[in-house]
Amino acid sequence: MSNLIKRSITGFIFVLVIVSCILIGKITFLILSLTLIILSMNEFYRISVKERIRAQKNYGVFIGTSFFISNYLFAQNIVDYKIFTIFIPLFIFVFIYELFRNNKKPFSNIGYTLLGIIYIAIPISMFNFFVFRGNLNVIYTPNILLSFFIMLWASDTGAYIFGVSFGKHRLFPRISPKKSWEGFLGGAITSLATSFILSKFYPDLPLIHWFVISTIIVIMGTFGDLVESLFKRSIKIKDSGKIFPGHGGILDRIDSVLLSAPIIFTYLQLIN
């Protein structure tokens, strides 16, 4: 089977799972998000071993999933903001726990443990505020999150097609030699066009906001891709994993999400 066919099949299944879990309801959304956090953080911590770093993998994943669940409950007004105070001792214990480990790089271990939470768990936790809308009567509304992924995929597809067809001017050759300005422009065009179409299906959000969200996705999604490439290049690996044939690891599939989601969350809070 050719690599292109593998990529196509894997990509289709990945998109189908994401879309289905978002549309079915809040329980499948919860399962999807926790799965992404667990797989991504485990992958991140596993990669760090190549640098002789022993992150507190299980504890880091525990904090990451707990943070998501706390946001899941908070976004639905099931609990109040006080639930987040439990993370103060949880984070402090990351430092204390390292005292009982015999390792030559204790602060590298601490740093990578916390980075996994900040880089992966916190951005994915922002999804809760995309889907739970309303002040008193909070309801599960998948429109924003589903549109976020659709625009992201449109941007990636446009960037790939334009980059392969017209790419001549390198965007960031030191980190990602294959990325081009032509690809970036193509991604912007397809994402903006997609946002225009989505605005017709979901008119409750004015067109200008769709364009802004699309622009954020293109810019921050590209930065997210570059940041993950920088991480992989620093430890001399090509892919973050092998879970997706033809695509690499889970981090390779969601790298664009990790920097764009927090900025879109910020924007949505501002316009509300």
Protein backbone atom coordinates (compact mmCIF):
# COMPACT_ATOMS: atom_id res chain seq x y z
CA MET A 1 0.00 0.00 0.00
CA SER A 2 1.45 3.38 -1.01
CA ASN A 3 2.18 6.05 1.58
CA LEU A 4 -0.41 8.38 0.00
CA ILE A 5 -3.17 5.78 0.40
CA LYS A 6 -2.11 5.13 4.00
CA ARG A 7 -2.17 8.85 4.75
CA SER A 8 -5.59 9.24 3.13
CA ILE A 9 -7.18 6.33 5.01
CA THR A 10 -5.64 7.34 8.33
CA GLY A 11 -6.61 10.98 7.84
CA PHE A 12 -10.21 10.05 6.96
CA ILE A 13 -10.59 7.84 10.04
CA PHE A 14 -9.07 10.53 12.29
CA VAL A 15 -11.45 13.19 10.94
CA LEU A 16 -14.44 10.83 11.23
CA VAL A 17 -13.66 10.06 14.88
CA ILE A 18 -13.15 13.73 15.79
CA VAL A 19 -16.33 14.91 14.06
CA SER A 20 -18.46 12.06 15.43
CA CYS A 21 -17.31 12.53 19.02
CA ILE A 22 -17.97 16.27 18.87
CA LEU A 23 -21.42 15.92 17.30
CA ILE A 24 -22.81 13.01 19.34
CA GLY A 25 -22.76 14.80 22.67
CA LYS A 26 -20.87 15.96 25.71
CA ILE A 27 -19.96 12.47 26.95
CA THR A 28 -18.23 11.50 23.69
CA PHE A 29 -16.62 14.96 23.68
CA LEU A 30 -15.27 14.22 27.17
CA ILE A 31 -13.95 10.81 26.11
CA LEU A 32 -12.32 12.25 22.98
CA SER A 33 -10.62 15.10 24.84
CA LEU A 34 -9.30 12.90 27.65
CA THR A 35 -8.01 10.41 25.09
CA LEU A 36 -6.17 13.18 23.23
CA ILE A 37 -4.62 14.43 26.48
CA ILE A 38 -3.53 10.98 27.68
CA LEU A 39 -2.07 9.89 24.34
CA SER A 40 -0.38 13.24 23.65
CA MET A 41 1.16 13.64 27.09
CA ASN A 42 2.40 10.05 27.15
CA GLU A 43 3.95 10.61 23.72
CA PHE A 44 5.54 13.87 24.85
CA TYR A 45 7.04 12.32 27.99
CA ARG A 46 8.22 9.26 26.08
CA ILE A 47 10.09 11.45 23.60
CA SER A 48 11.78 13.36 26.42
CA VAL A 49 13.53 10.14 27.50
CA LYS A 50 15.78 10.56 24.45
CA GLU A 51 17.28 13.56 26.25
CA ARG A 52 17.91 11.40 29.35
CA ILE A 53 15.04 13.15 31.11
CA ARG A 54 12.70 11.23 33.40
CA ALA A 55 9.57 13.35 33.58
CA GLN A 56 6.97 12.38 36.16
CA LYS A 57 4.84 10.83 33.42
CA ASN A 58 1.96 9.29 35.37
CA TYR A 59 1.66 12.23 37.74
CA GLY A 60 1.83 14.73 34.88
CA VAL A 61 -0.96 12.91 33.02
CA PHE A 62 -3.00 12.79 36.25
CA ILE A 63 -2.73 16.57 36.67
CA GLY A 64 -3.50 17.13 32.98
CA THR A 65 -6.64 14.99 32.95
CA SER A 66 -7.77 16.41 36.30
CA PHE A 67 -7.40 19.93 34.93
CA PHE A 68 -9.55 19.08 31.92
CA ILE A 69 -12.26 17.47 34.07
CA SER A 70 -12.26 20.50 36.39
CA ASN A 71 -12.80 22.80 33.40
CA TYR A 72 -15.46 20.42 32.06
CA LEU A 73 -17.42 20.78 35.30
CA PHE A 74 -16.71 24.50 35.74
CA ALA A 75 -17.83 25.36 32.19
CA GLN A 76 -21.22 23.75 32.96
CA ASN A 77 -21.60 25.62 36.28
CA ILE A 78 -21.52 22.30 38.14
CA VAL A 79 -18.65 23.56 40.33
CA ASP A 80 -17.31 27.05 40.97
CA TYR A 81 -13.83 28.50 40.47
CA LYS A 82 -12.63 27.20 43.86
CA ILE A 83 -12.05 23.78 42.32
CA PHE A 84 -8.91 25.15 40.70
CA THR A 85 -7.29 25.78 44.10
CA ILE A 86 -6.55 22.04 44.31
CA PHE A 87 -3.95 22.51 41.59
CA ILE A 88 -1.76 24.70 43.81
CA PRO A 89 -0.63 21.76 46.01
CA LEU A 90 -0.66 19.42 43.01
CA PHE A 91 1.85 21.60 41.18
CA ILE A 92 3.97 22.11 44.31
CA PHE A 93 4.18 18.34 44.79
CA VAL A 94 5.92 18.08 41.39
CA PHE A 95 8.93 19.76 43.02
CA ILE A 96 8.72 17.79 46.27
CA TYR A 97 8.41 14.44 44.49
CA GLU A 98 11.70 15.03 42.69
CA LEU A 99 13.51 15.07 46.06
CA PHE A 100 12.82 11.35 46.38
CA ARG A 101 14.09 10.41 42.93
CA ASN A 102 17.72 9.64 42.27
CA ASN A 103 18.35 11.51 39.04
CA LYS A 104 21.06 13.80 37.73
CA LYS A 105 18.63 16.21 36.05
CA PRO A 106 15.95 16.94 38.67
CA PHE A 107 14.96 20.35 37.34
CA SER A 108 14.86 19.10 33.76
CA ASN A 109 12.45 16.42 35.00
CA ILE A 110 10.34 19.06 36.74
CA GLY A 111 10.45 21.33 33.69
CA TYR A 112 9.32 18.64 31.26
CA THR A 113 6.60 17.44 33.64
CA LEU A 114 5.13 20.94 33.87
CA LEU A 115 5.67 21.64 30.18
CA GLY A 116 3.59 18.61 29.21
CA ILE A 117 0.70 20.05 31.23
CA ILE A 118 1.09 23.60 29.92
CA TYR A 119 1.73 22.64 26.30
CA ILE A 120 -0.93 19.93 25.93
CA ALA A 121 -3.49 19.66 28.75
CA ILE A 122 -4.27 23.34 29.21
CA PRO A 123 -4.91 24.11 25.50
CA ILE A 124 -7.17 21.07 25.09
CA SER A 125 -9.01 22.07 28.28
CA MET A 126 -10.00 25.29 26.50
CA PHE A 127 -12.29 23.18 24.29
CA ASN A 128 -14.79 23.15 27.15
CA PHE A 129 -15.44 26.86 26.69
CA PHE A 130 -16.00 26.36 22.97
CA VAL A 131 -18.83 23.87 23.48
CA PHE A 132 -20.56 24.93 26.71
CA ARG A 133 -22.34 28.19 26.00
CA GLY A 134 -24.66 30.29 28.12
CA ASN A 135 -24.55 31.86 31.55
CA LEU A 136 -27.32 30.31 33.64
CA ASN A 137 -28.71 27.58 31.39
CA VAL A 138 -25.53 26.12 29.93
CA ILE A 139 -26.06 23.87 26.92
CA TYR A 140 -23.72 21.73 24.86
CA THR A 141 -23.23 23.52 21.52
CA PRO A 142 -20.62 21.89 19.25
CA ASN A 143 -20.72 24.53 16.49
CA ILE A 144 -17.61 26.50 17.45
CA LEU A 145 -15.40 23.50 18.20
CA LEU A 146 -16.47 21.63 15.07
CA SER A 147 -15.90 24.75 12.97
CA PHE A 148 -12.50 25.21 14.61
CA PHE A 149 -11.37 21.79 13.43
CA ILE A 150 -12.91 22.24 9.96
CA MET A 151 -11.06 25.54 9.43
CA LEU A 152 -7.88 23.98 10.78
CA TRP A 153 -8.11 21.06 8.36
CA ALA A 154 -8.97 23.43 5.50
CA SER A 155 -5.87 25.47 6.32
CA ASP A 156 -3.66 22.37 6.45
CA THR A 157 -5.06 21.06 3.17
CA GLY A 158 -4.69 24.39 1.39
CA ALA A 159 -1.16 24.84 2.71
CA TYR A 160 -0.18 21.37 1.50
CA ILE A 161 -1.68 21.77 -2.00
CA PHE A 162 -0.34 25.28 -2.57
CA GLY A 163 3.01 24.39 -1.04
CA VAL A 164 3.50 21.34 -3.26
CA SER A 165 2.26 23.16 -6.37
CA PHE A 166 3.81 26.60 -6.01
CA GLY A 167 6.16 26.55 -3.00
CA LYS A 168 9.43 28.37 -3.73
CA HIS A 169 10.03 30.79 -0.87
CA ARG A 170 10.84 29.05 2.41
CA LEU A 171 8.84 30.19 5.43
CA PHE A 172 11.19 29.04 8.21
CA PRO A 173 14.00 26.97 6.66
CA ARG A 174 15.99 26.60 9.89
CA ILE A 175 13.16 24.67 11.54
CA SER A 176 10.93 23.34 8.75
CA PRO A 177 12.60 23.36 5.31
CA LYS A 178 9.46 22.19 3.48
CA LYS A 179 7.14 24.97 4.61
CA SER A 180 6.73 27.85 2.17
CA TRP A 181 5.11 31.27 2.08
CA GLU A 182 3.03 30.07 -0.86
CA GLY A 183 1.72 27.22 1.27
CA PHE A 184 0.96 29.61 4.13
CA LEU A 185 -0.98 31.87 1.75
CA GLY A 186 -2.86 28.89 0.33
CA GLY A 187 -3.82 27.79 3.83
CA ALA A 188 -5.06 31.29 4.61
CA ILE A 189 -7.21 31.40 1.46
CA THR A 190 -8.85 28.01 2.06
CA SER A 191 -9.40 28.70 5.75
CA LEU A 192 -10.98 32.11 5.13
CA ALA A 193 -13.18 30.67 2.38
CA THR A 194 -14.27 27.91 4.76
CA SER A 195 -15.04 30.44 7.49
CA PHE A 196 -17.28 32.33 5.06
CA ILE A 197 -19.23 29.14 4.31
CA LEU A 198 -19.48 28.27 8.01
CA SER A 199 -20.89 31.73 8.77
CA LYS A 200 -23.88 30.86 6.59
CA PHE A 201 -24.59 27.74 8.64
CA TYR A 202 -24.00 29.42 12.01
CA PRO A 203 -25.16 33.06 11.60
CA ASP A 204 -25.34 33.65 15.37
CA LEU A 205 -21.66 34.62 15.13
CA PRO A 206 -21.09 37.63 12.82
CA LEU A 207 -18.94 37.14 9.72
CA ILE A 208 -16.16 39.41 10.99
CA HIS A 209 -15.64 37.12 13.99
CA TRP A 210 -15.45 34.08 11.73
CA PHE A 211 -12.75 35.82 9.71
CA VAL A 212 -10.80 36.73 12.86
CA ILE A 213 -11.02 33.16 14.20
CA SER A 214 -9.90 31.83 10.82
CA THR A 215 -6.94 34.22 10.79
CA ILE A 216 -5.95 33.14 14.30
CA ILE A 217 -6.10 29.49 13.21
CA VAL A 218 -3.86 30.10 10.18
CA ILE A 219 -1.23 32.10 12.07
CA MET A 220 -1.18 30.27 15.39
CA GLY A 221 -1.67 26.89 13.72
CA THR A 222 1.46 27.53 11.67
CA PHE A 223 3.37 28.57 14.79
CA GLY A 224 2.11 25.44 16.55
CA ASP A 225 3.41 23.29 13.72
CA LEU A 226 6.77 25.07 13.82
CA VAL A 227 7.08 24.76 17.60
CA GLU A 228 6.52 21.01 17.42
CA SER A 229 9.04 20.80 14.57
CA LEU A 230 11.52 22.71 16.74
CA PHE A 231 10.95 20.25 19.57
CA LYS A 232 11.46 17.22 17.31
CA ARG A 233 14.51 18.76 15.65
CA SER A 234 16.07 19.47 19.05
CA ILE A 235 15.99 15.77 19.92
CA LYS A 236 16.67 14.58 16.36
CA ILE A 237 13.47 12.68 15.54
CA LYS A 238 11.26 12.86 12.44
CA ASP A 239 7.87 11.98 13.94
CA SER A 240 6.52 12.18 17.48
CA GLY A 241 5.22 8.62 17.23
CA LYS A 242 3.84 5.90 14.97
CA ILE A 243 0.22 5.67 16.06
CA PHE A 244 -1.07 7.00 12.71
CA PRO A 245 0.38 5.21 9.64
CA GLY A 246 1.69 7.81 7.21
CA HIS A 247 1.10 10.68 9.63
CA GLY A 248 3.32 9.94 12.64
CA GLY A 249 2.20 10.45 16.21
CA ILE A 250 -0.72 12.12 17.92
CA LEU A 251 1.31 15.30 18.50
CA ASP A 252 1.99 15.47 14.77
CA ARG A 253 -1.78 15.56 14.21
CA ILE A 254 -2.73 18.14 16.85
CA ASP A 255 0.32 20.43 16.91
CA SER A 256 -1.65 23.20 15.17
CA VAL A 257 -4.35 22.94 17.83
CA LEU A 258 -2.11 23.50 20.83
CA LEU A 259 -1.23 27.15 20.19
CA SER A 260 -4.37 28.24 18.34
CA ALA A 261 -6.97 26.98 20.86
CA PRO A 262 -5.85 29.23 23.77
CA ILE A 263 -5.81 32.34 21.55
CA ILE A 264 -9.27 31.57 20.17
CA PHE A 265 -10.47 31.00 23.74
CA THR A 266 -9.12 34.45 24.64
CA TYR A 267 -10.83 36.03 21.65
CA LEU A 268 -14.18 34.37 22.40
CA GLN A 269 -14.02 35.63 25.99
CA LEU A 270 -13.31 39.17 24.77
CA ILE A 271 -16.18 39.31 22.28
CA ASN A 272 -18.61 37.81 24.78
